[in-house]
Amino acid sequence: AGASVAGAVLALVHAELEESVEAWLAADLLAPQDARLVTDEAGRAWLHGVPHGRYRWTIDAGSLGRGSGEL
């Protein structure tokens, strides 16, 4: 409905590499300041420095629901 959702958890998997952004963070391939996978107070998440390509995504907003898609 256009409202911001803080605390929603975003998961991204590179469709061609079959690797997750979470795994890249855990392996120190991305710096923590370059990827925020939990939405902030304004409902924003961000990524910097990830490989180009298609990503499958899911977002979990708890009791507000889940969503998924590809970008």
PDB file of N, CA and C in Angstrom:
ATOM      1  N   ALA A   1       0.818  -1.194   0.000  1.00  0.00           N
ATOM      2  CA  ALA A   1       0.000   0.000   0.000  1.00  0.00           C
ATOM      3  C   ALA A   1       0.860   1.256   0.000  1.00  0.00           C
ATOM      4  N   GLY A   2       2.160   1.110  -0.267  1.00  0.00           N
ATOM      5  CA  GLY A   2       3.047   2.255  -0.339  1.00  0.00           C
ATOM      6  C   GLY A   2       3.702   2.638   0.977  1.00  0.00           C
ATOM      7  N   ALA A   3       3.390   1.944   2.060  1.00  0.00           N
ATOM      8  CA  ALA A   3       4.003   2.243   3.351  1.00  0.00           C
ATOM      9  C   ALA A   3       5.383   1.598   3.444  1.00  0.00           C
ATOM     10  N   SER A   4       6.309   2.259   4.146  1.00  0.00           N
ATOM     11  CA  SER A   4       7.642   1.701   4.377  1.00  0.00           C
ATOM     12  C   SER A   4       7.561   0.558   5.366  1.00  0.00           C
ATOM     13  N   VAL A   5       8.393  -0.449   5.146  1.00  0.00           N
ATOM     14  CA  VAL A   5       8.456  -1.595   6.059  1.00  0.00           C
ATOM     15  C   VAL A   5       9.895  -1.730   6.539  1.00  0.00           C
ATOM     16  N   ALA A   6      10.125  -1.433   7.790  1.00  0.00           N
ATOM     17  CA  ALA A   6      11.452  -1.590   8.384  1.00  0.00           C
ATOM     18  C   ALA A   6      11.630  -3.030   8.858  1.00  0.00           C
ATOM     19  N   GLY A   7      12.850  -3.540   8.734  1.00  0.00           N
ATOM     20  CA  GLY A   7      13.174  -4.864   9.255  1.00  0.00           C
ATOM     21  C   GLY A   7      12.837  -6.025   8.345  1.00  0.00           C
ATOM     22  N   ALA A   8      12.425  -5.760   7.112  1.00  0.00           N
ATOM     23  CA  ALA A   8      12.173  -6.849   6.163  1.00  0.00           C
ATOM     24  C   ALA A   8      13.518  -7.406   5.696  1.00  0.00           C
ATOM     25  N   VAL A   9      13.603  -8.719   5.563  1.00  0.00           N
ATOM     26  CA  VAL A   9      14.855  -9.382   5.209  1.00  0.00           C
ATOM     27  C   VAL A   9      14.851  -9.734   3.726  1.00  0.00           C
ATOM     28  N   LEU A  10      15.864  -9.242   3.023  1.00  0.00           N
ATOM     29  CA  LEU A  10      16.016  -9.457   1.593  1.00  0.00           C
ATOM     30  C   LEU A  10      17.075 -10.530   1.350  1.00  0.00           C
ATOM     31  N   ALA A  11      16.781 -11.479   0.468  1.00  0.00           N
ATOM     32  CA  ALA A  11      17.747 -12.497   0.056  1.00  0.00           C
ATOM     33  C   ALA A  11      17.885 -12.418  -1.457  1.00  0.00           C
ATOM     34  N   LEU A  12      19.128 -12.455  -1.934  1.00  0.00           N
ATOM     35  CA  LEU A  12      19.406 -12.370  -3.367  1.00  0.00           C
ATOM     36  C   LEU A  12      20.335 -13.491  -3.793  1.00  0.00           C
ATOM     37  N   VAL A  13      20.014 -14.124  -4.915  1.00  0.00           N
ATOM     38  CA  VAL A  13      20.865 -15.169  -5.484  1.00  0.00           C
ATOM     39  C   VAL A  13      21.129 -14.799  -6.936  1.00  0.00           C
ATOM     40  N   HIS A  14      22.402 -14.759  -7.320  1.00  0.00           N
ATOM     41  CA  HIS A  14      22.771 -14.490  -8.707  1.00  0.00           C
ATOM     42  C   HIS A  14      22.291 -15.673  -9.540  1.00  0.00           C
ATOM     43  N   ALA A  15      21.428 -15.411 -10.520  1.00  0.00           N
ATOM     44  CA  ALA A  15      20.761 -16.478 -11.273  1.00  0.00           C
ATOM     45  C   ALA A  15      21.734 -17.328 -12.081  1.00  0.00           C
ATOM     46  N   GLU A  16      22.794 -16.753 -12.608  1.00  0.00           N
ATOM     47  CA  GLU A  16      23.734 -17.515 -13.422  1.00  0.00           C
ATOM     48  C   GLU A  16      24.820 -18.176 -12.589  1.00  0.00           C
ATOM     49  N   LEU A  17      25.317 -17.489 -11.573  1.00  0.00           N
ATOM     50  CA  LEU A  17      26.380 -18.034 -10.732  1.00  0.00           C
ATOM     51  C   LEU A  17      25.851 -18.966  -9.646  1.00  0.00           C
ATOM     52  N   GLU A  18      24.542 -18.869  -9.365  1.00  0.00           N
ATOM     53  CA  GLU A  18      23.910 -19.649  -8.281  1.00  0.00           C
ATOM     54  C   GLU A  18      24.618 -19.415  -6.946  1.00  0.00           C
ATOM     55  N   GLU A  19      24.991 -18.159  -6.702  1.00  0.00           N
ATOM     56  CA  GLU A  19      25.628 -17.779  -5.445  1.00  0.00           C
ATOM     57  C   GLU A  19      24.815 -16.663  -4.806  1.00  0.00           C
ATOM     58  N   SER A  20      24.736 -16.701  -3.488  1.00  0.00           N
ATOM     59  CA  SER A  20      23.939 -15.701  -2.784  1.00  0.00           C
ATOM     60  C   SER A  20      24.804 -14.532  -2.326  1.00  0.00           C
ATOM     61  N   VAL A  21      24.172 -13.390  -2.232  1.00  0.00           N
ATOM     62  CA  VAL A  21      24.851 -12.204  -1.705  1.00  0.00           C
ATOM     63  C   VAL A  21      25.251 -12.463  -0.254  1.00  0.00           C
ATOM     64  N   GLU A  22      24.441 -13.187   0.491  1.00  0.00           N
ATOM     65  CA  GLU A  22      24.770 -13.509   1.877  1.00  0.00           C
ATOM     66  C   GLU A  22      26.082 -14.291   1.962  1.00  0.00           C
ATOM     67  N   ALA A  23      26.298 -15.232   1.028  1.00  0.00           N
ATOM     68  CA  ALA A  23      27.542 -16.009   1.005  1.00  0.00           C
ATOM     69  C   ALA A  23      28.730 -15.110   0.676  1.00  0.00           C
ATOM     70  N   TRP A  24      28.537 -14.156  -0.242  1.00  0.00           N
ATOM     71  CA  TRP A  24      29.626 -13.232  -0.574  1.00  0.00           C
ATOM     72  C   TRP A  24      29.991 -12.382   0.635  1.00  0.00           C
ATOM     73  N   LEU A  25      28.995 -11.958   1.400  1.00  0.00           N
ATOM     74  CA  LEU A  25      29.269 -11.193   2.618  1.00  0.00           C
ATOM     75  C   LEU A  25      30.029 -12.040   3.632  1.00  0.00           C
ATOM     76  N   ALA A  26      29.603 -13.283   3.817  1.00  0.00           N
ATOM     77  CA  ALA A  26      30.246 -14.179   4.783  1.00  0.00           C
ATOM     78  C   ALA A  26      31.688 -14.479   4.390  1.00  0.00           C
ATOM     79  N   ALA A  27      31.964 -14.521   3.098  1.00  0.00           N
ATOM     80  CA  ALA A  27      33.313 -14.815   2.606  1.00  0.00           C
ATOM     81  C   ALA A  27      34.158 -13.548   2.452  1.00  0.00           C
ATOM     82  N   ASP A  28      33.642 -12.409   2.913  1.00  0.00           N
ATOM     83  CA  ASP A  28      34.320 -11.110   2.805  1.00  0.00           C
ATOM     84  C   ASP A  28      34.591 -10.696   1.361  1.00  0.00           C
ATOM     85  N   LEU A  29      33.753 -11.166   0.429  1.00  0.00           N
ATOM     86  CA  LEU A  29      33.864 -10.729  -0.960  1.00  0.00           C
ATOM     87  C   LEU A  29      33.140  -9.408  -1.178  1.00  0.00           C
ATOM     88  N   LEU A  30      32.251  -9.068  -0.265  1.00  0.00           N
ATOM     89  CA  LEU A  30      31.588  -7.763  -0.220  1.00  0.00           C
ATOM     90  C   LEU A  30      31.783  -7.207   1.182  1.00  0.00           C
ATOM     91  N   ALA A  31      32.012  -5.916   1.263  1.00  0.00           N
ATOM     92  CA  ALA A  31      32.139  -5.276   2.568  1.00  0.00           C
ATOM     93  C   ALA A  31      30.753  -5.049   3.156  1.00  0.00           C
ATOM     94  N   PRO A  32      30.606  -5.206   4.471  1.00  0.00           N
ATOM     95  CA  PRO A  32      29.284  -5.033   5.099  1.00  0.00           C
ATOM     96  C   PRO A  32      28.637  -3.682   4.807  1.00  0.00           C
ATOM     97  N   GLN A  33      29.422  -2.616   4.652  1.00  0.00           N
ATOM     98  CA  GLN A  33      28.832  -1.307   4.363  1.00  0.00           C
ATOM     99  C   GLN A  33      28.316  -1.222   2.927  1.00  0.00           C
ATOM    100  N   ASP A  34      28.663  -2.204   2.074  1.00  0.00           N
ATOM    101  CA  ASP A  34      28.219  -2.202   0.682  1.00  0.00           C
ATOM    102  C   ASP A  34      26.920  -2.966   0.465  1.00  0.00           C
ATOM    103  N   ALA A  35      26.447  -3.638   1.482  1.00  0.00           N
ATOM    104  CA  ALA A  35      25.219  -4.416   1.320  1.00  0.00           C
ATOM    105  C   ALA A  35      24.407  -4.359   2.598  1.00  0.00           C
ATOM    106  N   ARG A  36      23.213  -3.871   2.475  1.00  0.00           N
ATOM    107  CA  ARG A  36      22.262  -3.902   3.598  1.00  0.00           C
ATOM    108  C   ARG A  36      21.082  -4.729   3.130  1.00  0.00           C
ATOM    109  N   LEU A  37      20.922  -5.912   3.730  1.00  0.00           N
ATOM    110  CA  LEU A  37      19.897  -6.858   3.299  1.00  0.00           C
ATOM    111  C   LEU A  37      18.708  -6.900   4.243  1.00  0.00           C
ATOM    112  N   VAL A  38      18.668  -5.962   5.191  1.00  0.00           N
ATOM    113  CA  VAL A  38      17.509  -5.776   6.068  1.00  0.00           C
ATOM    114  C   VAL A  38      17.084  -4.330   5.888  1.00  0.00           C
ATOM    115  N   THR A  39      15.820  -4.112   5.590  1.00  0.00           N
ATOM    116  CA  THR A  39      15.379  -2.746   5.301  1.00  0.00           C
ATOM    117  C   THR A  39      15.506  -1.836   6.517  1.00  0.00           C
ATOM    118  N   ASP A  40      15.868  -0.591   6.242  1.00  0.00           N
ATOM    119  CA  ASP A  40      16.001   0.404   7.301  1.00  0.00           C
ATOM    120  C   ASP A  40      14.635   1.016   7.628  1.00  0.00           C
ATOM    121  N   GLU A  41      14.635   2.063   8.442  1.00  0.00           N
ATOM    122  CA  GLU A  41      13.389   2.685   8.882  1.00  0.00           C
ATOM    123  C   GLU A  41      12.547   3.211   7.722  1.00  0.00           C
ATOM    124  N   ALA A  42      13.208   3.557   6.615  1.00  0.00           N
ATOM    125  CA  ALA A  42      12.499   4.069   5.437  1.00  0.00           C
ATOM    126  C   ALA A  42      12.152   2.958   4.444  1.00  0.00           C
ATOM    127  N   GLY A  43      12.416   1.702   4.839  1.00  0.00           N
ATOM    128  CA  GLY A  43      12.097   0.584   3.959  1.00  0.00           C
ATOM    129  C   GLY A  43      13.113   0.348   2.860  1.00  0.00           C
ATOM    130  N   ARG A  44      14.336   0.856   3.020  1.00  0.00           N
ATOM    131  CA  ARG A  44      15.361   0.743   1.985  1.00  0.00           C
ATOM    132  C   ARG A  44      16.365  -0.353   2.306  1.00  0.00           C
ATOM    133  N   ALA A  45      16.783  -1.052   1.267  1.00  0.00           N
ATOM    134  CA  ALA A  45      17.917  -1.975   1.308  1.00  0.00           C
ATOM    135  C   ALA A  45      18.826  -1.556   0.161  1.00  0.00           C
ATOM    136  N   TRP A  46      20.115  -1.877   0.228  1.00  0.00           N
ATOM    137  CA  TRP A  46      20.987  -1.473  -0.872  1.00  0.00           C
ATOM    138  C   TRP A  46      22.134  -2.446  -1.057  1.00  0.00           C
ATOM    139  N   LEU A  47      22.715  -2.384  -2.266  1.00  0.00           N
ATOM    140  CA  LEU A  47      23.870  -3.202  -2.646  1.00  0.00           C
ATOM    141  C   LEU A  47      24.792  -2.368  -3.522  1.00  0.00           C
ATOM    142  N   HIS A  48      26.069  -2.524  -3.301  1.00  0.00           N
ATOM    143  CA  HIS A  48      27.082  -1.883  -4.138  1.00  0.00           C
ATOM    144  C   HIS A  48      28.146  -2.933  -4.440  1.00  0.00           C
ATOM    145  N   GLY A  49      28.617  -2.969  -5.657  1.00  0.00           N
ATOM    146  CA  GLY A  49      29.737  -3.842  -5.999  1.00  0.00           C
ATOM    147  C   GLY A  49      29.385  -5.286  -6.299  1.00  0.00           C
ATOM    148  N   VAL A  50      28.125  -5.583  -6.508  1.00  0.00           N
ATOM    149  CA  VAL A  50      27.761  -6.966  -6.861  1.00  0.00           C
ATOM    150  C   VAL A  50      27.924  -7.166  -8.365  1.00  0.00           C
ATOM    151  N   PRO A  51      28.202  -8.390  -8.797  1.00  0.00           N
ATOM    152  CA  PRO A  51      28.344  -8.649 -10.232  1.00  0.00           C
ATOM    153  C   PRO A  51      27.052  -8.327 -10.988  1.00  0.00           C
ATOM    154  N   HIS A  52      27.213  -7.850 -12.208  1.00  0.00           N
ATOM    155  CA  HIS A  52      26.057  -7.609 -13.076  1.00  0.00           C
ATOM    156  C   HIS A  52      25.374  -8.934 -13.375  1.00  0.00           C
ATOM    157  N   GLY A  53      24.120  -8.876 -13.670  1.00  0.00           N
ATOM    158  CA  GLY A  53      23.388 -10.071 -14.055  1.00  0.00           C
ATOM    159  C   GLY A  53      22.006 -10.108 -13.453  1.00  0.00           C
ATOM    160  N   ARG A  54      21.332 -11.230 -13.665  1.00  0.00           N
ATOM    161  CA  ARG A  54      19.986 -11.426 -13.125  1.00  0.00           C
ATOM    162  C   ARG A  54      20.098 -11.992 -11.702  1.00  0.00           C
ATOM    163  N   TYR A  55      19.180 -11.555 -10.858  1.00  0.00           N
ATOM    164  CA  TYR A  55      19.121 -12.026  -9.474  1.00  0.00           C
ATOM    165  C   TYR A  55      17.713 -12.478  -9.158  1.00  0.00           C
ATOM    166  N   ARG A  56      17.614 -13.596  -8.457  1.00  0.00           N
ATOM    167  CA  ARG A  56      16.339 -13.998  -7.864  1.00  0.00           C
ATOM    168  C   ARG A  56      16.319 -13.383  -6.470  1.00  0.00           C
ATOM    169  N   TRP A  57      15.165 -12.852  -6.092  1.00  0.00           N
ATOM    170  CA  TRP A  57      15.070 -12.210  -4.786  1.00  0.00           C
ATOM    171  C   TRP A  57      13.860 -12.723  -4.032  1.00  0.00           C
ATOM    172  N   THR A  58      13.978 -12.714  -2.733  1.00  0.00           N
ATOM    173  CA  THR A  58      12.844 -12.926  -1.839  1.00  0.00           C
ATOM    174  C   THR A  58      12.953 -11.869  -0.750  1.00  0.00           C
ATOM    175  N   ILE A  59      11.816 -11.470  -0.255  1.00  0.00           N
ATOM    176  CA  ILE A  59      11.784 -10.546   0.867  1.00  0.00           C
ATOM    177  C   ILE A  59      10.766 -11.073   1.869  1.00  0.00           C
ATOM    178  N   ASP A  60      11.162 -11.071   3.124  1.00  0.00           N
ATOM    179  CA  ASP A  60      10.317 -11.570   4.203  1.00  0.00           C
ATOM    180  C   ASP A  60      10.047 -10.419   5.164  1.00  0.00           C
ATOM    181  N   ALA A  61       8.799 -10.008   5.224  1.00  0.00           N
ATOM    182  CA  ALA A  61       8.399  -8.905   6.102  1.00  0.00           C
ATOM    183  C   ALA A  61       7.602  -9.422   7.302  1.00  0.00           C
ATOM    184  N   GLY A  62       7.897 -10.655   7.705  1.00  0.00           N
ATOM    185  CA  GLY A  62       7.247 -11.218   8.881  1.00  0.00           C
ATOM    186  C   GLY A  62       5.752 -11.338   8.693  1.00  0.00           C
ATOM    187  N   SER A  63       4.992 -10.814   9.633  1.00  0.00           N
ATOM    188  CA  SER A  63       3.532 -10.935   9.588  1.00  0.00           C
ATOM    189  C   SER A  63       2.915 -10.168   8.413  1.00  0.00           C
ATOM    190  N   LEU A  64       3.690  -9.283   7.791  1.00  0.00           N
ATOM    191  CA  LEU A  64       3.172  -8.528   6.646  1.00  0.00           C
ATOM    192  C   LEU A  64       3.254  -9.329   5.334  1.00  0.00           C
ATOM    193  N   GLY A  65       4.019 -10.418   5.362  1.00  0.00           N
ATOM    194  CA  GLY A  65       4.073 -11.282   4.184  1.00  0.00           C
ATOM    195  C   GLY A  65       5.435 -11.422   3.561  1.00  0.00           C
ATOM    196  N   ARG A  66       5.459 -12.189   2.491  1.00  0.00           N
ATOM    197  CA  ARG A  66       6.677 -12.457   1.732  1.00  0.00           C
ATOM    198  C   ARG A  66       6.430 -12.112   0.267  1.00  0.00           C
ATOM    199  N   GLY A  67       7.519 -11.894  -0.437  1.00  0.00           N
ATOM    200  CA  GLY A  67       7.442 -11.660  -1.874  1.00  0.00           C
ATOM    201  C   GLY A  67       8.665 -12.245  -2.534  1.00  0.00           C
ATOM    202  N   SER A  68       8.603 -12.440  -3.835  1.00  0.00           N
ATOM    203  CA  SER A  68       9.743 -12.952  -4.575  1.00  0.00           C
ATOM    204  C   SER A  68       9.653 -12.516  -6.023  1.00  0.00           C
ATOM    205  N   GLY A  69      10.762 -12.626  -6.708  1.00  0.00           N
ATOM    206  CA  GLY A  69      10.795 -12.267  -8.115  1.00  0.00           C
ATOM    207  C   GLY A  69      12.199 -12.370  -8.663  1.00  0.00           C
ATOM    208  N   GLU A  70      12.389 -11.778  -9.824  1.00  0.00           N
ATOM    209  CA  GLU A  70      13.703 -11.758 -10.460  1.00  0.00           C
ATOM    210  C   GLU A  70      13.933 -10.365 -11.030  1.00  0.00           C
ATOM    211  N   LEU A  71      15.168  -9.909 -10.904  1.00  0.00           N
ATOM    212  CA  LEU A  71      15.519  -8.614 -11.477  1.00  0.00           C
ATOM    213  C   LEU A  71      16.852  -8.694 -12.166  1.00  0.00           C
TER     214      LEU A  71
END
